[in-house]
C-alpha atoms as a PDB file:
ATOM      1  CA  MET A   1     120.904 116.828  91.427  1.00  0.00           C
ATOM      2  CA  LYS A   2     121.271 117.292  94.895  1.00  0.00           C
ATOM      3  CA  ILE A   3     119.241 115.661  97.235  1.00  0.00           C
ATOM      4  CA  VAL A   4     119.750 116.220 101.524  1.00  0.00           C
ATOM      5  CA  GLN A   5     118.238 113.174 104.466  1.00  0.00           C
ATOM      6  CA  ILE A   6     116.380 113.833 107.818  1.00  0.00           C
ATOM      7  CA  GLY A   7     117.117 111.187 110.129  1.00  0.00           C
ATOM      8  CA  THR A   8     120.140 108.464 110.087  1.00  0.00           C
ATOM      9  CA  GLY A   9     119.131 106.115 112.693  1.00  0.00           C
ATOM     10  CA  GLY A  10     118.526 102.370 111.698  1.00  0.00           C
ATOM     11  CA  TRP A  11     117.559 101.838 107.930  1.00  0.00           C
ATOM     12  CA  GLY A  12     118.257 105.458 107.438  1.00  0.00           C
ATOM     13  CA  LYS A  13     122.374 103.933 107.239  1.00  0.00           C
ATOM     14  CA  ASN A  14     121.276 102.409 104.571  1.00  0.00           C
ATOM     15  CA  HIS A  15     120.121 105.467 102.649  1.00  0.00           C
ATOM     16  CA  THR A  16     122.919 107.670 103.440  1.00  0.00           C
ATOM     17  CA  ARG A  17     125.234 105.298 102.051  1.00  0.00           C
ATOM     18  CA  ILE A  18     123.349 104.901  98.535  1.00  0.00           C
ATOM     19  CA  LEU A  19     122.711 108.449  98.187  1.00  0.00           C
ATOM     20  CA  SER A  20     126.449 108.968  98.588  1.00  0.00           C
ATOM     21  CA  GLU A  21     127.544 105.914  96.349  1.00  0.00           C
ATOM     22  CA  LEU A  22     125.359 108.090  93.690  1.00  0.00           C
ATOM     23  CA  GLY A  23     127.041 111.056  94.156  1.00  0.00           C
ATOM     24  CA  VAL A  24     123.765 113.136  95.124  1.00  0.00           C
ATOM     25  CA  LEU A  25     123.950 113.381  98.872  1.00  0.00           C
ATOM     26  CA  VAL A  26     124.828 117.163 100.269  1.00  0.00           C
ATOM     27  CA  ALA A  27     123.622 117.233 103.746  1.00  0.00           C
ATOM     28  CA  ILE A  28     122.439 115.373 106.616  1.00  0.00           C
ATOM     29  CA  CYS A  29     120.156 116.342 109.182  1.00  0.00           C
ATOM     30  CA  ASP A  30     119.436 114.714 113.212  1.00  0.00           C
ATOM     31  CA  ALA A  31     117.839 116.061 116.181  1.00  0.00           C
ATOM     32  CA  ASN A  32     121.118 113.716 117.508  1.00  0.00           C
ATOM     33  CA  PHE A  33     123.875 116.284 116.590  1.00  0.00           C
ATOM     34  CA  GLU A  34     126.603 113.610 117.309  1.00  0.00           C
ATOM     35  CA  LYS A  35     124.641 111.102 114.587  1.00  0.00           C
ATOM     36  CA  SER A  36     124.256 114.307 112.263  1.00  0.00           C
ATOM     37  CA  LYS A  37     127.807 115.354 112.604  1.00  0.00           C
ATOM     38  CA  GLU A  38     129.178 111.325 112.378  1.00  0.00           C
ATOM     39  CA  TYR A  39     127.650 110.941 109.002  1.00  0.00           C
ATOM     40  CA  GLY A  40     128.074 114.449 107.490  1.00  0.00           C
ATOM     41  CA  GLU A  41     131.636 113.426 108.255  1.00  0.00           C
ATOM     42  CA  LYS A  42     131.719 110.248 107.142  1.00  0.00           C
ATOM     43  CA  TYR A  43     129.964 111.017 104.076  1.00  0.00           C
ATOM     44  CA  SER A  44     131.869 114.602 103.798  1.00  0.00           C
ATOM     45  CA  VAL A  45     128.658 116.847 103.489  1.00  0.00           C
ATOM     46  CA  ASN A  46     127.528 119.526 105.330  1.00  0.00           C
ATOM     47  CA  TYR A  47     125.416 118.360 108.519  1.00  0.00           C
ATOM     48  CA  TYR A  48     122.410 119.911 110.728  1.00  0.00           C
ATOM     49  CA  GLN A  49     120.284 119.209 113.391  1.00  0.00           C
ATOM     50  CA  SER A  50     117.761 121.131 112.441  1.00  0.00           C
ATOM     51  CA  LEU A  51     115.266 121.047 109.793  1.00  0.00           C
ATOM     52  CA  GLU A  52     115.036 124.268 109.971  1.00  0.00           C
ATOM     53  CA  LYS A  53     118.533 125.325 109.355  1.00  0.00           C
ATOM     54  CA  LEU A  54     118.967 123.337 106.435  1.00  0.00           C
ATOM     55  CA  LEU A  55     115.732 124.363 104.636  1.00  0.00           C
ATOM     56  CA  GLU A  56     117.422 128.011 105.226  1.00  0.00           C
ATOM     57  CA  SER A  57     121.518 126.800 104.491  1.00  0.00           C
ATOM     58  CA  GLU A  58     121.216 123.991 101.769  1.00  0.00           C
ATOM     59  CA  GLU A  59     119.469 124.335  98.266  1.00  0.00           C
ATOM     60  CA  PHE A  60     118.417 120.810  97.323  1.00  0.00           C
ATOM     61  CA  ASP A  61     115.881 119.041  95.512  1.00  0.00           C
ATOM     62  CA  GLY A  62     114.515 116.205  97.044  1.00  0.00           C
ATOM     63  CA  ALA A  63     114.984 114.936 100.658  1.00  0.00           C
ATOM     64  CA  PHE A  64     114.581 111.474 102.271  1.00  0.00           C
ATOM     65  CA  VAL A  65     112.825 111.123 105.721  1.00  0.00           C
ATOM     66  CA  VAL A  66     113.999 108.509 107.549  1.00  0.00           C
ATOM     67  CA  THR A  67     112.609 109.173 110.677  1.00  0.00           C
ATOM     68  CA  PRO A  68     110.191 107.869 113.528  1.00  0.00           C
ATOM     69  CA  THR A  69     106.837 107.800 112.173  1.00  0.00           C
ATOM     70  CA  SER A  70     105.281 110.020 114.667  1.00  0.00           C
ATOM     71  CA  THR A  71     107.595 112.769 113.061  1.00  0.00           C
ATOM     72  CA  HIS A  72     106.699 111.999 109.736  1.00  0.00           C
ATOM     73  CA  THR A  73     103.911 114.707 109.114  1.00  0.00           C
ATOM     74  CA  GLU A  74     105.645 117.936 110.476  1.00  0.00           C
ATOM     75  CA  ILE A  75     108.792 117.212 108.906  1.00  0.00           C
ATOM     76  CA  ALA A  76     107.002 116.505 105.132  1.00  0.00           C
ATOM     77  CA  MET A  77     105.060 119.314 105.654  1.00  0.00           C
ATOM     78  CA  LYS A  78     107.542 121.714 106.056  1.00  0.00           C
ATOM     79  CA  LEU A  79     109.723 120.068 102.508  1.00  0.00           C
ATOM     80  CA  LEU A  80     106.578 120.075 100.833  1.00  0.00           C
ATOM     81  CA  GLU A  81     105.673 123.647 101.914  1.00  0.00           C
ATOM     82  CA  SER A  82     109.562 124.622 100.461  1.00  0.00           C
ATOM     83  CA  LYS A  83     108.425 122.821  97.226  1.00  0.00           C
ATOM     84  CA  LYS A  84     110.629 119.887  97.775  1.00  0.00           C
ATOM     85  CA  HIS A  85     110.223 116.316  96.269  1.00  0.00           C
ATOM     86  CA  VAL A  86     110.236 114.595  99.414  1.00  0.00           C
ATOM     87  CA  PHE A  87     110.514 110.406  99.584  1.00  0.00           C
ATOM     88  CA  VAL A  88     108.947 109.350 102.953  1.00  0.00           C
ATOM     89  CA  GLU A  89     109.678 105.998 104.922  1.00  0.00           C
ATOM     90  CA  LYS A  90     106.941 103.840 105.549  1.00  0.00           C
ATOM     91  CA  PRO A  91     104.189 104.003 106.614  1.00  0.00           C
ATOM     92  CA  MET A  92     104.408 107.720 105.368  1.00  0.00           C
ATOM     93  CA  THR A  93     102.025 109.076 108.163  1.00  0.00           C
ATOM     94  CA  TYR A  94     100.597 107.974 111.711  1.00  0.00           C
ATOM     95  CA  LYS A  95      96.948 108.688 110.968  1.00  0.00           C
ATOM     96  CA  SER A  96      95.380 109.167 107.516  1.00  0.00           C
ATOM     97  CA  GLU A  97      94.208 111.899 107.525  1.00  0.00           C
ATOM     98  CA  ASP A  98      97.690 113.468 108.081  1.00  0.00           C
ATOM     99  CA  GLY A  99      98.789 111.375 104.791  1.00  0.00           C
ATOM    100  CA  GLU A 100      96.021 113.127 102.532  1.00  0.00           C
ATOM    101  CA  LYS A 101      96.828 116.350 103.666  1.00  0.00           C
ATOM    102  CA  LEU A 102     100.648 115.379 102.683  1.00  0.00           C
ATOM    103  CA  ALA A 103      99.299 114.550  99.011  1.00  0.00           C
ATOM    104  CA  LYS A 104      96.929 117.366  98.966  1.00  0.00           C
ATOM    105  CA  LEU A 105      99.995 119.733  99.558  1.00  0.00           C
ATOM    106  CA  ALA A 106     102.419 117.797  97.215  1.00  0.00           C
ATOM    107  CA  GLU A 107      99.467 117.861  94.078  1.00  0.00           C
ATOM    108  CA  LYS A 108      99.165 121.182  94.860  1.00  0.00           C
ATOM    109  CA  ASN A 109     103.254 122.809  94.731  1.00  0.00           C
ATOM    110  CA  LYS A 110     103.628 119.839  91.921  1.00  0.00           C
ATOM    111  CA  VAL A 111     105.994 117.872  93.667  1.00  0.00           C
ATOM    112  CA  ILE A 112     106.568 113.962  94.494  1.00  0.00           C
ATOM    113  CA  LEU A 113     105.525 112.652  97.194  1.00  0.00           C
ATOM    114  CA  THR A 114     106.332 109.145  97.709  1.00  0.00           C
ATOM    115  CA  CYS A 115     106.680 106.733 100.848  1.00  0.00           C
ATOM    116  CA  GLY A 116     109.481 103.269 100.935  1.00  0.00           C
ATOM    117  CA  TYR A 117     107.165 100.124 100.424  1.00  0.00           C
ATOM    118  CA  ILE A 118     110.087  98.534  99.258  1.00  0.00           C
ATOM    119  CA  GLU A 119     109.304  95.410  98.207  1.00  0.00           C
ATOM    120  CA  ARG A 120     107.749  96.649  94.927  1.00  0.00           C
ATOM    121  CA  PHE A 121     111.387  97.227  94.496  1.00  0.00           C
ATOM    122  CA  ASN A 122     112.482  93.697  95.354  1.00  0.00           C
ATOM    123  CA  PRO A 123     112.812  91.100  92.240  1.00  0.00           C
ATOM    124  CA  ALA A 124     111.042  88.674  94.558  1.00  0.00           C
ATOM    125  CA  VAL A 125     107.873  90.574  94.479  1.00  0.00           C
ATOM    126  CA  ASP A 126     108.687  91.844  90.881  1.00  0.00           C
ATOM    127  CA  ILE A 127     108.817  89.073  88.908  1.00  0.00           C
ATOM    128  CA  VAL A 128     105.698  87.621  90.626  1.00  0.00           C
ATOM    129  CA  LYS A 129     103.692  90.985  89.296  1.00  0.00           C
ATOM    130  CA  LYS A 130     105.102  90.447  85.929  1.00  0.00           C
ATOM    131  CA  ILE A 131     103.919  86.551  86.064  1.00  0.00           C
ATOM    132  CA  VAL A 132     100.718  86.918  87.734  1.00  0.00           C
ATOM    133  CA  ASN A 133      99.757  90.553  85.043  1.00  0.00           C
ATOM    134  CA  GLU A 134     100.242  87.677  82.187  1.00  0.00           C
ATOM    135  CA  LYS A 135      98.263  85.226  84.041  1.00  0.00           C
ATOM    136  CA  LYS A 136     101.270  82.658  82.671  1.00  0.00           C
ATOM    137  CA  TYR A 137      99.505  80.015  85.852  1.00  0.00           C
ATOM    138  CA  GLY A 138      96.235  81.410  85.725  1.00  0.00           C
ATOM    139  CA  ASP A 139      94.183  83.787  87.896  1.00  0.00           C
ATOM    140  CA  LEU A 140      95.672  85.065  91.063  1.00  0.00           C
ATOM    141  CA  VAL A 141      93.065  84.319  93.687  1.00  0.00           C
ATOM    142  CA  MET A 142      95.188  84.361  97.527  1.00  0.00           C
ATOM    143  CA  LEU A 143      98.556  85.422  98.883  1.00  0.00           C
ATOM    144  CA  GLU A 144      99.989  84.810 101.861  1.00  0.00           C
ATOM    145  CA  PHE A 145     102.588  86.468 103.599  1.00  0.00           C
ATOM    146  CA  HIS A 146     104.984  85.373 106.579  1.00  0.00           C
ATOM    147  CA  ARG A 147     106.846  87.953 108.272  1.00  0.00           C
ATOM    148  CA  GLU A 148     108.585  87.519 111.228  1.00  0.00           C
ATOM    149  CA  ASN A 149     111.405  87.940 113.302  1.00  0.00           C
ATOM    150  CA  ARG A 150     112.850  89.441 116.281  1.00  0.00           C
ATOM    151  CA  MET A 151     111.926  93.526 117.502  1.00  0.00           C
ATOM    152  CA  PRO A 152     113.842  95.605 115.498  1.00  0.00           C
ATOM    153  CA  LEU A 153     115.368  98.195 118.628  1.00  0.00           C
ATOM    154  CA  HIS A 154     115.229 101.302 117.461  1.00  0.00           C
ATOM    155  CA  ILE A 155     111.332 100.519 116.356  1.00  0.00           C
ATOM    156  CA  LYS A 156     109.807 102.890 119.488  1.00  0.00           C
ATOM    157  CA  ASP A 157     106.641 104.209 118.445  1.00  0.00           C
ATOM    158  CA  VAL A 158     104.610 101.838 116.613  1.00  0.00           C
ATOM    159  CA  GLY A 159     103.821  97.924 116.908  1.00  0.00           C
ATOM    160  CA  ILE A 160     103.770  95.260 114.562  1.00  0.00           C
ATOM    161  CA  ILE A 161     101.574  96.476 111.787  1.00  0.00           C
ATOM    162  CA  TYR A 162     102.452  99.805 111.413  1.00  0.00           C
ATOM    163  CA  ASP A 163     106.158  98.805 111.006  1.00  0.00           C
ATOM    164  CA  THR A 164     106.024  95.060 109.136  1.00  0.00           C
ATOM    165  CA  SER A 165     102.570  94.279 108.080  1.00  0.00           C
ATOM    166  CA  VAL A 166     101.967  97.566 106.444  1.00  0.00           C
ATOM    167  CA  HIS A 167     104.661  96.090 103.438  1.00  0.00           C
ATOM    168  CA  ASP A 168     103.018  92.978 103.215  1.00  0.00           C
ATOM    169  CA  ILE A 169      99.590  95.349 102.819  1.00  0.00           C
ATOM    170  CA  ASP A 170     101.216  97.201 100.283  1.00  0.00           C
ATOM    171  CA  THR A 171     102.540  94.197  98.445  1.00  0.00           C
ATOM    172  CA  ALA A 172      99.157  92.325  98.321  1.00  0.00           C
ATOM    173  CA  ASN A 173      97.403  95.901  96.665  1.00  0.00           C
ATOM    174  CA  TRP A 174      99.770  95.994  94.421  1.00  0.00           C
ATOM    175  CA  LEU A 175      99.902  92.418  93.129  1.00  0.00           C
ATOM    176  CA  PHE A 176      96.266  92.006  93.419  1.00  0.00           C
ATOM    177  CA  ASN A 177      96.037  95.724  91.366  1.00  0.00           C
ATOM    178  CA  GLU A 178      92.789  97.132  93.717  1.00  0.00           C
ATOM    179  CA  MET A 179      92.099  97.799  97.222  1.00  0.00           C
ATOM    180  CA  PRO A 180      90.568  95.780  99.961  1.00  0.00           C
ATOM    181  CA  GLN A 181      86.670  95.926 100.402  1.00  0.00           C
ATOM    182  CA  VAL A 182      87.177  94.198 104.413  1.00  0.00           C
ATOM    183  CA  VAL A 183      89.906  94.445 106.721  1.00  0.00           C
ATOM    184  CA  PHE A 184      89.308  91.413 109.114  1.00  0.00           C
ATOM    185  CA  ALA A 185      92.807  91.100 111.705  1.00  0.00           C
ATOM    186  CA  ARG A 186      93.299  89.602 115.532  1.00  0.00           C
ATOM    187  CA  SER A 187      96.155  90.632 116.899  1.00  0.00           C
ATOM    188  CA  GLY A 188      98.452  90.882 120.879  1.00  0.00           C
ATOM    189  CA  LYS A 189     101.302  92.045 122.620  1.00  0.00           C
ATOM    190  CA  ILE A 190     104.048  89.688 124.551  1.00  0.00           C
ATOM    191  CA  ARG A 191     107.580  91.586 124.892  1.00  0.00           C
ATOM    192  CA  HIS A 192     106.243  94.984 123.841  1.00  0.00           C
ATOM    193  CA  GLU A 193     104.254  97.775 124.933  1.00  0.00           C
ATOM    194  CA  ARG A 194     102.074  97.665 121.226  1.00  0.00           C
ATOM    195  CA  GLU A 195     101.218  94.839 119.679  1.00  0.00           C
ATOM    196  CA  ASP A 196     104.146  92.390 118.356  1.00  0.00           C
ATOM    197  CA  PHE A 197     101.880  89.429 116.509  1.00  0.00           C
ATOM    198  CA  ALA A 198      98.978  89.745 114.236  1.00  0.00           C
ATOM    199  CA  ASN A 199      97.172  87.708 111.161  1.00  0.00           C
ATOM    200  CA  ILE A 200      95.462  90.008 109.136  1.00  0.00           C
ATOM    201  CA  MET A 201      92.791  88.970 106.723  1.00  0.00           C
ATOM    202  CA  LEU A 202      92.498  91.115 103.681  1.00  0.00           C
ATOM    203  CA  GLY A 203      89.097  91.151 101.429  1.00  0.00           C
ATOM    204  CA  TYR A 204      89.259  91.992  97.820  1.00  0.00           C
ATOM    205  CA  LYS A 205      86.549  91.578  94.955  1.00  0.00           C
ATOM    206  CA  ASN A 206      85.388  88.019  93.211  1.00  0.00           C
ATOM    207  CA  ASP A 207      86.794  86.471  97.134  1.00  0.00           C
ATOM    208  CA  LYS A 208      89.953  87.170  96.273  1.00  0.00           C
ATOM    209  CA  VAL A 209      92.024  87.012  99.615  1.00  0.00           C
ATOM    210  CA  ALA A 210      95.393  87.943 101.374  1.00  0.00           C
ATOM    211  CA  ILE A 211      96.055  86.497 104.386  1.00  0.00           C
ATOM    212  CA  ILE A 212      99.129  88.745 106.296  1.00  0.00           C
ATOM    213  CA  SER A 213     100.840  86.943 109.699  1.00  0.00           C
ATOM    214  CA  SER A 214     103.594  88.979 111.144  1.00  0.00           C
ATOM    215  CA  ASN A 215     105.220  88.230 114.364  1.00  0.00           C
ATOM    216  CA  TRP A 216     108.020  90.009 116.721  1.00  0.00           C
ATOM    217  CA  ILE A 217     108.400  87.135 118.279  1.00  0.00           C
ATOM    218  CA  THR A 218     110.192  83.952 116.748  1.00  0.00           C
ATOM    219  CA  PRO A 219     113.545  84.319 116.782  1.00  0.00           C
ATOM    220  CA  LYS A 220     113.722  83.312 113.351  1.00  0.00           C
ATOM    221  CA  LYS A 221     114.303  86.227 110.842  1.00  0.00           C
ATOM    222  CA  VAL A 222     111.126  84.882 107.928  1.00  0.00           C
ATOM    223  CA  ARG A 223     109.987  86.813 105.047  1.00  0.00           C
ATOM    224  CA  LYS A 224     108.325  84.508 102.845  1.00  0.00           C
ATOM    225  CA  PHE A 225     104.761  84.975 100.706  1.00  0.00           C
ATOM    226  CA  SER A 226     102.953  82.339  98.227  1.00  0.00           C
ATOM    227  CA  ALA A 227     100.653  83.387  95.512  1.00  0.00           C
ATOM    228  CA  VAL A 228      98.332  80.722  94.980  1.00  0.00           C
ATOM    229  CA  CYS A 229      96.721  80.590  90.899  1.00  0.00           C
ATOM    230  CA  THR A 230      94.496  78.809  89.076  1.00  0.00           C
ATOM    231  CA  GLU A 231      97.168  76.792  87.578  1.00  0.00           C
ATOM    232  CA  ALA A 232      99.900  76.833  90.196  1.00  0.00           C
ATOM    233  CA  ILE A 233     101.421  77.664  93.848  1.00  0.00           C
ATOM    234  CA  ILE A 234     104.103  79.988  93.236  1.00  0.00           C
ATOM    235  CA  SER A 235     106.533  80.755  96.700  1.00  0.00           C
ATOM    236  CA  SER A 236     108.362  83.303  97.037  1.00  0.00           C
ATOM    237  CA  ASP A 237     111.338  84.447  99.321  1.00  0.00           C
ATOM    238  CA  PHE A 238     112.107  88.043 100.516  1.00  0.00           C
ATOM    239  CA  ILE A 239     115.262  87.734 101.271  1.00  0.00           C
ATOM    240  CA  SER A 240     117.050  85.223  99.085  1.00  0.00           C
ATOM    241  CA  GLN A 241     114.623  86.421  95.964  1.00  0.00           C
ATOM    242  CA  GLU A 242     114.480  82.836  95.017  1.00  0.00           C
ATOM    243  CA  ILE A 243     111.215  81.988  93.453  1.00  0.00           C
ATOM    244  CA  ILE A 244     109.733  78.713  93.311  1.00  0.00           C
ATOM    245  CA  VAL A 245     106.276  77.397  90.842  1.00  0.00           C
ATOM    246  CA  GLU A 246     104.852  74.682  91.693  1.00  0.00           C
ATOM    247  CA  LYS A 247     102.501  73.073  88.592  1.00  0.00           C
ATOM    248  CA  ASP A 248     100.680  69.278  89.312  1.00  0.00           C
ATOM    249  CA  GLU A 249     104.078  67.327  89.790  1.00  0.00           C
ATOM    250  CA  GLU A 250     106.225  70.197  88.382  1.00  0.00           C
ATOM    251  CA  VAL A 251     108.981  72.498  90.735  1.00  0.00           C
ATOM    252  CA  GLU A 252     110.050  74.890  89.020  1.00  0.00           C
ATOM    253  CA  ARG A 253     112.587  77.517  89.344  1.00  0.00           C
ATOM    254  CA  ILE A 254     112.801  81.088  88.582  1.00  0.00           C
ATOM    255  CA  GLU A 255     116.362  82.110  87.537  1.00  0.00           C
ATOM    256  CA  ASN A 256     116.952  86.041  87.817  1.00  0.00           C
ATOM    257  CA  GLU A 257     120.085  88.224  89.195  1.00  0.00           C
ATOM    258  CA  LYS A 258     119.494  89.076  93.205  1.00  0.00           C
ATOM    259  CA  GLN A 259     119.567  93.418  93.584  1.00  0.00           C
ATOM    260  CA  GLU A 260     119.814  95.443  96.304  1.00  0.00           C
ATOM    261  CA  PRO A 261     115.647  96.395  96.696  1.00  0.00           C
ATOM    262  CA  LEU A 262     116.773  99.874  98.251  1.00  0.00           C
ATOM    263  CA  LEU A 263     118.718 101.158  95.557  1.00  0.00           C
ATOM    264  CA  LYS A 264     116.472 100.553  92.697  1.00  0.00           C
ATOM    265  CA  GLU A 265     113.761 102.285  94.943  1.00  0.00           C
ATOM    266  CA  ILE A 266     115.754 105.452  95.475  1.00  0.00           C
ATOM    267  CA  GLN A 267     116.598 105.668  91.762  1.00  0.00           C
ATOM    268  CA  ASN A 268     113.250 105.190  91.018  1.00  0.00           C
ATOM    269  CA  PHE A 269     112.718 108.285  93.002  1.00  0.00           C
ATOM    270  CA  LEU A 270     115.975 110.603  91.616  1.00  0.00           C
ATOM    271  CA  ASP A 271     114.617 109.410  88.114  1.00  0.00           C
ATOM    272  CA  ALA A 272     110.988 110.477  88.402  1.00  0.00           C
ATOM    273  CA  ILE A 273     112.713 113.510  89.897  1.00  0.00           C
ATOM    274  CA  TYR A 274     114.984 114.286  87.133  1.00  0.00           C
ATOM    275  CA  ASN A 275     113.524 112.526  84.152  1.00  0.00           C
ATOM    276  CA  LYS A 276     110.513 112.801  84.839  1.00  0.00           C
ATOM    277  CA  THR A 277     109.665 108.975  84.888  1.00  0.00           C
ATOM    278  CA  GLU A 278     106.762 107.095  86.531  1.00  0.00           C
ATOM    279  CA  GLN A 279     106.996 107.054  90.352  1.00  0.00           C
ATOM    280  CA  ILE A 280     106.147 103.648  91.014  1.00  0.00           C
ATOM    281  CA  VAL A 281     104.526 104.313  94.320  1.00  0.00           C
ATOM    282  CA  LYS A 282     101.777 107.053  94.683  1.00  0.00           C
ATOM    283  CA  SER A 283     101.165 109.316  97.163  1.00  0.00           C
ATOM    284  CA  GLN A 284      97.223 108.531  97.968  1.00  0.00           C
ATOM    285  CA  GLU A 285      98.442 104.484  97.889  1.00  0.00           C
ATOM    286  CA  ALA A 286     100.310 104.758 100.083  1.00  0.00           C
ATOM    287  CA  VAL A 287      97.711 106.732 102.389  1.00  0.00           C
ATOM    288  CA  ASN A 288      95.543 103.791 101.668  1.00  0.00           C
ATOM    289  CA  VAL A 289      98.073 101.532 103.004  1.00  0.00           C
ATOM    290  CA  THR A 290      97.387 103.510 106.646  1.00  0.00           C
ATOM    291  CA  LYS A 291      93.756 103.060 106.302  1.00  0.00           C
ATOM    292  CA  ILE A 292      94.365  99.940 106.306  1.00  0.00           C
ATOM    293  CA  ALA A 293      96.463  99.193 109.010  1.00  0.00           C
ATOM    294  CA  GLU A 294      94.220 101.703 110.909  1.00  0.00           C
ATOM    295  CA  ALA A 295      91.185  99.258 109.975  1.00  0.00           C
ATOM    296  CA  ALA A 296      93.017  96.678 111.007  1.00  0.00           C
ATOM    297  CA  LEU A 297      94.390  97.727 114.550  1.00  0.00           C
ATOM    298  CA  LEU A 298      90.500  98.755 115.279  1.00  0.00           C
ATOM    299  CA  SER A 299      88.999  95.122 113.999  1.00  0.00           C
ATOM    300  CA  SER A 300      91.310  93.618 116.438  1.00  0.00           C
ATOM    301  CA  GLN A 301      90.078  95.751 119.134  1.00  0.00           C
ATOM    302  CA  LYS A 302      86.940  95.653 118.575  1.00  0.00           C
ATOM    303  CA  GLY A 303      86.312  91.851 117.082  1.00  0.00           C
ATOM    304  CA  THR A 304      84.657  92.515 113.711  1.00  0.00           C
ATOM    305  CA  PRO A 305      85.468  93.058 110.233  1.00  0.00           C
ATOM    306  CA  ILE A 306      85.657  96.689 109.273  1.00  0.00           C
ATOM    307  CA  TYR A 307      84.549  97.076 106.016  1.00  0.00           C
ATOM    308  CA  LEU A 308      86.159 100.010 103.111  1.00  0.00           C
ATOM    309  CA  ASP A 309      85.675 101.781 100.519  1.00  0.00           C
ATOM    310  CA  LEU A 310      89.203 103.270  99.130  1.00  0.00           C
ATOM    311  CA  LYS A 311      89.796 104.727  96.182  1.00  0.00           C
END
């Protein structure tokens, strides 16, 4: 299998490392030629400055798009038109209608299109998903997420909702196994040109709710969530991957082996290409996350709830 990577900045260096370790990386492409050359030489692969030149010169099966959000649509479109399998870092696109176009093109050309909603591959979420599905502690009725940290320096073109809150939007949809019917949000900015704090409420059927709190203001890095079930509260830490279940006076720690979510995410994409296994994050699910993020921004601007009808 042959895989290329477009973009090396920020989070992208981790994709390059893992793809190289798995022995599938054949080329790097970055608009910054010095970066492209640096990573190409480091991992002993071909390197390019333009996507057009890469497409002309390389034979490959799939591509990772790890570039700023504003560039995702154009790059992914060219790759899909060339009938390549495509993994796009989150969010898939800035506008949901662009995501719909990409999803339709992928379906037409019979190739995989997925998006980097990495928390589905985090044991901190995956184990809770299994517990919820088994109804071990009754029905899941409420989720609450906290994701706080100083603003990452490499984020230039989106605010906290598109960069950070989208992870928890996707996780909520996945744990509830459905899409929200209504979104209400409040957001603002203190140190960033776009919103750097946000509180989002997602309303699901039967009065189930997810509350998502994100900010780039507090210096301490916090990434946690709690799942309120009818018989217990499950608390999970995205970073430490520790899971605690509180039931009446009893507290139970769920034993699990710490794993690298990005490795599992990349392996899922490669397995879907090579072994035709199920792709965990479907393109339409990623499009829906963008629609919900759009609704959250609109709700914050208008001060009113936004009602959705997502498929």
